[in-house]
């Protein structure tokens, strides 16, 4: 094999190695982000349930707030 061809192959192997590393890093980050998103969605669902239960125990939505006394 010629020296130039061997250098090209080595360069391609190095680039492939870097791309594999980058792909694994991105995959790990996306997985962590998905876990965070799912946790936040569960928190939001719990908050919605909590607020709806609070409103139900207080007699429902109180409607619009009256204007302040100085209005």
PDB file of N, CA and C in Angstrom:
ATOM      1  N   UNK A   1       0.849  -1.170   0.000  1.00  0.00           N
ATOM      2  CA  UNK A   1       0.000   0.000   0.000  1.00  0.00           C
ATOM      3  C   UNK A   1       0.899   1.238   0.000  1.00  0.00           C
ATOM      4  N   UNK A   2       0.497   2.210  -0.763  1.00  0.00           N
ATOM      5  CA  UNK A   2       1.319   3.417  -0.812  1.00  0.00           C
ATOM      6  C   UNK A   2       1.173   4.206   0.477  1.00  0.00           C
ATOM      7  N   UNK A   3       2.178   5.031   0.729  1.00  0.00           N
ATOM      8  CA  UNK A   3       2.202   5.826   1.945  1.00  0.00           C
ATOM      9  C   UNK A   3       1.039   6.821   1.994  1.00  0.00           C
ATOM     10  N   UNK A   4       0.710   7.423   0.863  1.00  0.00           N
ATOM     11  CA  UNK A   4      -0.392   8.400   0.813  1.00  0.00           C
ATOM     12  C   UNK A   4      -1.728   7.720   1.115  1.00  0.00           C
ATOM     13  N   UNK A   5      -1.927   6.533   0.562  1.00  0.00           N
ATOM     14  CA  UNK A   5      -3.165   5.803   0.800  1.00  0.00           C
ATOM     15  C   UNK A   5      -3.280   5.390   2.264  1.00  0.00           C
ATOM     16  N   UNK A   6      -2.162   4.960   2.826  1.00  0.00           N
ATOM     17  CA  UNK A   6      -2.154   4.569   4.227  1.00  0.00           C
ATOM     18  C   UNK A   6      -2.465   5.772   5.128  1.00  0.00           C
ATOM     19  N   UNK A   7      -1.928   6.939   4.810  1.00  0.00           N
ATOM     20  CA  UNK A   7      -2.212   8.153   5.577  1.00  0.00           C
ATOM     21  C   UNK A   7      -3.687   8.527   5.483  1.00  0.00           C
ATOM     22  N   UNK A   8      -4.274   8.375   4.296  1.00  0.00           N
ATOM     23  CA  UNK A   8      -5.707   8.680   4.119  1.00  0.00           C
ATOM     24  C   UNK A   8      -6.562   7.744   4.963  1.00  0.00           C
ATOM     25  N   UNK A   9      -6.189   6.471   4.991  1.00  0.00           N
ATOM     26  CA  UNK A   9      -6.951   5.491   5.777  1.00  0.00           C
ATOM     27  C   UNK A   9      -6.842   5.816   7.269  1.00  0.00           C
ATOM     28  N   UNK A  10      -5.652   6.152   7.726  1.00  0.00           N
ATOM     29  CA  UNK A  10      -5.459   6.507   9.130  1.00  0.00           C
ATOM     30  C   UNK A  10      -6.282   7.748   9.459  1.00  0.00           C
ATOM     31  N   UNK A  11      -6.258   8.748   8.578  1.00  0.00           N
ATOM     32  CA  UNK A  11      -7.039   9.972   8.793  1.00  0.00           C
ATOM     33  C   UNK A  11      -8.533   9.653   8.864  1.00  0.00           C
ATOM     34  N   UNK A  12      -9.019   8.784   8.009  1.00  0.00           N
ATOM     35  CA  UNK A  12     -10.429   8.398   8.031  1.00  0.00           C
ATOM     36  C   UNK A  12     -10.777   7.650   9.319  1.00  0.00           C
ATOM     37  N   UNK A  13      -9.885   6.790   9.773  1.00  0.00           N
ATOM     38  CA  UNK A  13     -10.130   6.066  11.018  1.00  0.00           C
ATOM     39  C   UNK A  13     -10.180   7.019  12.207  1.00  0.00           C
ATOM     40  N   UNK A  14      -9.309   8.021  12.201  1.00  0.00           N
ATOM     41  CA  UNK A  14      -9.316   9.013  13.279  1.00  0.00           C
ATOM     42  C   UNK A  14     -10.627   9.795  13.256  1.00  0.00           C
ATOM     43  N   UNK A  15     -11.039  10.226  12.070  1.00  0.00           N
ATOM     44  CA  UNK A  15     -12.294  10.977  11.958  1.00  0.00           C
ATOM     45  C   UNK A  15     -13.478  10.127  12.393  1.00  0.00           C
ATOM     46  N   UNK A  16     -13.483   8.860  12.006  1.00  0.00           N
ATOM     47  CA  UNK A  16     -14.565   7.967  12.401  1.00  0.00           C
ATOM     48  C   UNK A  16     -14.590   7.782  13.912  1.00  0.00           C
ATOM     49  N   UNK A  17     -13.421   7.671  14.513  1.00  0.00           N
ATOM     50  CA  UNK A  17     -13.346   7.527  15.964  1.00  0.00           C
ATOM     51  C   UNK A  17     -13.918   8.762  16.658  1.00  0.00           C
ATOM     52  N   UNK A  18     -13.573   9.950  16.178  1.00  0.00           N
ATOM     53  CA  UNK A  18     -14.109  11.187  16.757  1.00  0.00           C
ATOM     54  C   UNK A  18     -15.624  11.271  16.575  1.00  0.00           C
ATOM     55  N   UNK A  19     -16.107  10.869  15.410  1.00  0.00           N
ATOM     56  CA  UNK A  19     -17.546  10.906  15.162  1.00  0.00           C
ATOM     57  C   UNK A  19     -18.285   9.911  16.050  1.00  0.00           C
ATOM     58  N   UNK A  20     -17.707   8.741  16.258  1.00  0.00           N
ATOM     59  CA  UNK A  20     -18.324   7.765  17.162  1.00  0.00           C
ATOM     60  C   UNK A  20     -18.409   8.313  18.580  1.00  0.00           C
ATOM     61  N   UNK A  21     -17.336   8.956  19.027  1.00  0.00           N
ATOM     62  CA  UNK A  21     -17.325   9.547  20.368  1.00  0.00           C
ATOM     63  C   UNK A  21     -18.380  10.642  20.477  1.00  0.00           C
ATOM     64  N   UNK A  22     -18.461  11.495  19.468  1.00  0.00           N
ATOM     65  CA  UNK A  22     -19.444  12.572  19.469  1.00  0.00           C
ATOM     66  C   UNK A  22     -20.869  12.008  19.465  1.00  0.00           C
ATOM     67  N   UNK A  23     -21.098  10.976  18.701  1.00  0.00           N
ATOM     68  CA  UNK A  23     -22.409  10.348  18.636  1.00  0.00           C
ATOM     69  C   UNK A  23     -22.806   9.759  19.988  1.00  0.00           C
ATOM     70  N   UNK A  24     -21.893   9.108  20.664  1.00  0.00           N
ATOM     71  CA  UNK A  24     -22.177   8.556  21.987  1.00  0.00           C
ATOM     72  C   UNK A  24     -22.459   9.665  22.993  1.00  0.00           C
ATOM     73  N   UNK A  25     -21.712  10.763  22.914  1.00  0.00           N
ATOM     74  CA  UNK A  25     -21.936  11.893  23.808  1.00  0.00           C
ATOM     75  C   UNK A  25     -23.311  12.501  23.567  1.00  0.00           C
ATOM     76  N   UNK A  26     -23.648  12.719  22.302  1.00  0.00           N
ATOM     77  CA  UNK A  26     -24.958  13.283  21.969  1.00  0.00           C
ATOM     78  C   UNK A  26     -26.090  12.357  22.399  1.00  0.00           C
ATOM     79  N   UNK A  27     -25.913  11.075  22.211  1.00  0.00           N
ATOM     80  CA  UNK A  27     -26.932  10.115  22.619  1.00  0.00           C
ATOM     81  C   UNK A  27     -27.146  10.154  24.125  1.00  0.00           C
ATOM     82  N   UNK A  28     -26.063  10.243  24.894  1.00  0.00           N
ATOM     83  CA  UNK A  28     -26.158  10.323  26.350  1.00  0.00           C
ATOM     84  C   UNK A  28     -26.883  11.605  26.771  1.00  0.00           C
ATOM     85  N   UNK A  29     -26.543  12.719  26.119  1.00  0.00           N
ATOM     86  CA  UNK A  29     -27.189  13.989  26.451  1.00  0.00           C
ATOM     87  C   UNK A  29     -28.679  13.962  26.130  1.00  0.00           C
ATOM     88  N   UNK A  30     -29.031  13.400  25.002  1.00  0.00           N
ATOM     89  CA  UNK A  30     -30.443  13.321  24.616  1.00  0.00           C
ATOM     90  C   UNK A  30     -31.206  12.430  25.590  1.00  0.00           C
ATOM     91  N   UNK A  31     -30.597  11.341  26.008  1.00  0.00           N
ATOM     92  CA  UNK A  31     -31.238  10.463  26.978  1.00  0.00           C
ATOM     93  C   UNK A  31     -31.466  11.180  28.298  1.00  0.00           C
ATOM     94  N   UNK A  32     -30.460  11.928  28.759  1.00  0.00           N
ATOM     95  CA  UNK A  32     -30.608  12.693  30.002  1.00  0.00           C
ATOM     96  C   UNK A  32     -31.687  13.761  29.865  1.00  0.00           C
ATOM     97  N   UNK A  33     -31.737  14.430  28.719  1.00  0.00           N
ATOM     98  CA  UNK A  33     -32.754  15.447  28.492  1.00  0.00           C
ATOM     99  C   UNK A  33     -34.150  14.832  28.472  1.00  0.00           C
ATOM    100  N   UNK A  34     -34.291  13.664  27.876  1.00  0.00           N
ATOM    101  CA  UNK A  34     -35.594  13.005  27.835  1.00  0.00           C
ATOM    102  C   UNK A  34     -36.061  12.648  29.241  1.00  0.00           C
ATOM    103  N   UNK A  35     -35.145  12.173  30.072  1.00  0.00           N
ATOM    104  CA  UNK A  35     -35.495  11.854  31.461  1.00  0.00           C
ATOM    105  C   UNK A  35     -35.940  13.124  32.187  1.00  0.00           C
ATOM    106  N   UNK A  36     -35.215  14.223  31.967  1.00  0.00           N
ATOM    107  CA  UNK A  36     -35.580  15.493  32.588  1.00  0.00           C
ATOM    108  C   UNK A  36     -36.943  15.964  32.107  1.00  0.00           C
ATOM    109  N   UNK A  37     -37.207  15.860  30.827  1.00  0.00           N
ATOM    110  CA  UNK A  37     -38.501  16.271  30.266  1.00  0.00           C
ATOM    111  C   UNK A  37     -39.624  15.442  30.868  1.00  0.00           C
ATOM    112  N   UNK A  38     -39.432  14.147  30.963  1.00  0.00           N
ATOM    113  CA  UNK A  38     -40.464  13.283  31.532  1.00  0.00           C
ATOM    114  C   UNK A  38     -40.716  13.618  32.997  1.00  0.00           C
ATOM    115  N   UNK A  39     -39.654  13.923  33.736  1.00  0.00           N
ATOM    116  CA  UNK A  39     -39.802  14.303  35.139  1.00  0.00           C
ATOM    117  C   UNK A  39     -40.565  15.630  35.256  1.00  0.00           C
ATOM    118  N   UNK A  40     -40.242  16.584  34.399  1.00  0.00           N
ATOM    119  CA  UNK A  40     -40.938  17.871  34.418  1.00  0.00           C
ATOM    120  C   UNK A  40     -42.408  17.720  34.027  1.00  0.00           C
ATOM    121  N   UNK A  41     -42.692  16.858  33.067  1.00  0.00           N
ATOM    122  CA  UNK A  41     -44.084  16.624  32.683  1.00  0.00           C
ATOM    123  C   UNK A  41     -44.865  16.005  33.835  1.00  0.00           C
ATOM    124  N   UNK A  42     -44.243  15.081  34.551  1.00  0.00           N
ATOM    125  CA  UNK A  42     -44.909  14.480  35.707  1.00  0.00           C
ATOM    126  C   UNK A  42     -45.135  15.527  36.792  1.00  0.00           C
ATOM    127  N   UNK A  43     -44.151  16.399  37.016  1.00  0.00           N
ATOM    128  CA  UNK A  43     -44.313  17.472  37.999  1.00  0.00           C
ATOM    129  C   UNK A  43     -45.454  18.407  37.609  1.00  0.00           C
ATOM    130  N   UNK A  44     -45.544  18.745  36.337  1.00  0.00           N
ATOM    131  CA  UNK A  44     -46.622  19.619  35.871  1.00  0.00           C
ATOM    132  C   UNK A  44     -47.986  18.951  36.063  1.00  0.00           C
ATOM    133  N   UNK A  45     -48.075  17.674  35.776  1.00  0.00           N
ATOM    134  CA  UNK A  45     -49.335  16.958  35.972  1.00  0.00           C
ATOM    135  C   UNK A  45     -49.718  16.963  37.446  1.00  0.00           C
ATOM    136  N   UNK A  46     -48.731  16.748  38.313  1.00  0.00           N
ATOM    137  CA  UNK A  46     -49.001  16.777  39.751  1.00  0.00           C
ATOM    138  C   UNK A  46     -49.434  18.161  40.209  1.00  0.00           C
ATOM    139  N   UNK A  47     -48.802  19.201  39.679  1.00  0.00           N
ATOM    140  CA  UNK A  47     -49.189  20.564  40.034  1.00  0.00           C
ATOM    141  C   UNK A  47     -50.601  20.890  39.559  1.00  0.00           C
ATOM    142  N   UNK A  48     -50.941  20.454  38.353  1.00  0.00           N
ATOM    143  CA  UNK A  48     -52.300  20.688  37.843  1.00  0.00           C
ATOM    144  C   UNK A  48     -53.327  20.012  38.742  1.00  0.00           C
ATOM    145  N   UNK A  49     -53.034  18.774  39.141  1.00  0.00           N
ATOM    146  CA  UNK A  49     -53.933  18.046  40.019  1.00  0.00           C
ATOM    147  C   UNK A  49     -54.048  18.751  41.361  1.00  0.00           C
ATOM    148  N   UNK A  50     -52.939  19.193  41.909  1.00  0.00           N
ATOM    149  CA  UNK A  50     -52.922  19.883  43.196  1.00  0.00           C
ATOM    150  C   UNK A  50     -53.745  21.172  43.129  1.00  0.00           C
ATOM    151  N   UNK A  51     -53.551  21.953  42.071  1.00  0.00           N
ATOM    152  CA  UNK A  51     -54.291  23.215  41.935  1.00  0.00           C
ATOM    153  C   UNK A  51     -55.775  22.944  41.754  1.00  0.00           C
ATOM    154  N   UNK A  52     -56.119  21.950  40.959  1.00  0.00           N
ATOM    155  CA  UNK A  52     -57.539  21.653  40.762  1.00  0.00           C
ATOM    156  C   UNK A  52     -58.179  21.177  42.069  1.00  0.00           C
ATOM    157  N   UNK A  53     -57.428  20.411  42.870  1.00  0.00           N
ATOM    158  CA  UNK A  53     -57.953  19.983  44.172  1.00  0.00           C
ATOM    159  C   UNK A  53     -58.099  21.172  45.120  1.00  0.00           C
ATOM    160  N   UNK A  54     -57.147  22.087  45.079  1.00  0.00           N
ATOM    161  CA  UNK A  54     -57.262  23.291  45.902  1.00  0.00           C
ATOM    162  C   UNK A  54     -58.485  24.118  45.517  1.00  0.00           C
ATOM    163  N   UNK A  55     -58.686  24.289  44.231  1.00  0.00           N
ATOM    164  CA  UNK A  55     -59.843  25.052  43.766  1.00  0.00           C
ATOM    165  C   UNK A  55     -61.143  24.355  44.148  1.00  0.00           C
ATOM    166  N   UNK A  56     -61.160  23.033  44.096  1.00  0.00           N
ATOM    167  CA  UNK A  56     -62.366  22.293  44.444  1.00  0.00           C
ATOM    168  C   UNK A  56     -62.684  22.429  45.934  1.00  0.00           C
ATOM    169  N   UNK A  57     -61.661  22.454  46.772  1.00  0.00           N
ATOM    170  CA  UNK A  57     -61.911  22.573  48.209  1.00  0.00           C
ATOM    171  C   UNK A  57     -62.275  23.999  48.605  1.00  0.00           C
ATOM    172  N   UNK A  58     -61.955  24.962  47.770  1.00  0.00           N
ATOM    173  CA  UNK A  58     -62.273  26.355  48.070  1.00  0.00           C
ATOM    174  C   UNK A  58     -63.566  26.803  47.402  1.00  0.00           C
ATOM    175  N   UNK A  59     -64.259  25.901  46.808  1.00  0.00           N
ATOM    176  CA  UNK A  59     -65.531  26.244  46.190  1.00  0.00           C
ATOM    177  C   UNK A  59     -65.414  26.628  44.726  1.00  0.00           C
ATOM    178  N   UNK A  60     -64.376  26.231  44.073  1.00  0.00           N
ATOM    179  CA  UNK A  60     -64.252  26.505  42.653  1.00  0.00           C
ATOM    180  C   UNK A  60     -63.468  27.767  42.375  1.00  0.00           C
ATOM    181  N   UNK A  61     -63.535  28.182  41.144  1.00  0.00           N
ATOM    182  CA  UNK A  61     -62.817  29.373  40.699  1.00  0.00           C
ATOM    183  C   UNK A  61     -63.514  30.604  41.257  1.00  0.00           C
ATOM    184  N   UNK A  62     -62.804  31.461  41.984  1.00  0.00           N
ATOM    185  CA  UNK A  62     -63.457  32.617  42.598  1.00  0.00           C
ATOM    186  C   UNK A  62     -63.857  33.688  41.587  1.00  0.00           C
ATOM    187  N   UNK A  63     -63.488  33.527  40.361  1.00  0.00           N
ATOM    188  CA  UNK A  63     -63.834  34.521  39.357  1.00  0.00           C
ATOM    189  C   UNK A  63     -62.801  35.633  39.336  1.00  0.00           C
ATOM    190  N   UNK A  64     -63.130  36.711  38.641  1.00  0.00           N
ATOM    191  CA  UNK A  64     -62.155  37.794  38.550  1.00  0.00           C
ATOM    192  C   UNK A  64     -61.961  38.487  39.892  1.00  0.00           C
ATOM    193  N   UNK A  65     -60.760  38.935  40.123  1.00  0.00           N
ATOM    194  CA  UNK A  65     -60.432  39.629  41.354  1.00  0.00           C
ATOM    195  C   UNK A  65     -61.067  41.020  41.349  1.00  0.00           C
ATOM    196  N   UNK A  66     -61.648  41.441  42.467  1.00  0.00           N
ATOM    197  CA  UNK A  66     -62.206  42.790  42.482  1.00  0.00           C
ATOM    198  C   UNK A  66     -61.104  43.836  42.409  1.00  0.00           C
ATOM    199  N   UNK A  67     -61.388  45.000  41.896  1.00  0.00           N
ATOM    200  CA  UNK A  67     -60.337  46.017  41.807  1.00  0.00           C
ATOM    201  C   UNK A  67     -59.901  46.468  43.196  1.00  0.00           C
ATOM    202  N   UNK A  68     -58.682  46.945  43.324  1.00  0.00           N
ATOM    203  CA  UNK A  68     -58.218  47.393  44.628  1.00  0.00           C
ATOM    204  C   UNK A  68     -59.005  48.623  45.086  1.00  0.00           C
ATOM    205  N   UNK A  69     -59.002  48.927  46.398  1.00  0.00           N
ATOM    206  CA  UNK A  69     -59.816  50.017  46.930  1.00  0.00           C
ATOM    207  C   UNK A  69     -59.485  51.384  46.338  1.00  0.00           C
ATOM    208  N   UNK A  70     -58.265  51.605  45.933  1.00  0.00           N
ATOM    209  CA  UNK A  70     -57.885  52.921  45.410  1.00  0.00           C
ATOM    210  C   UNK A  70     -58.208  53.077  43.924  1.00  0.00           C
ATOM    211  N   UNK A  71     -58.857  52.116  43.332  1.00  0.00           N
ATOM    212  CA  UNK A  71     -59.109  52.132  41.885  1.00  0.00           C
ATOM    213  C   UNK A  71     -60.273  53.004  41.540  1.00  0.00           C
TER     214      UNK A  71
END
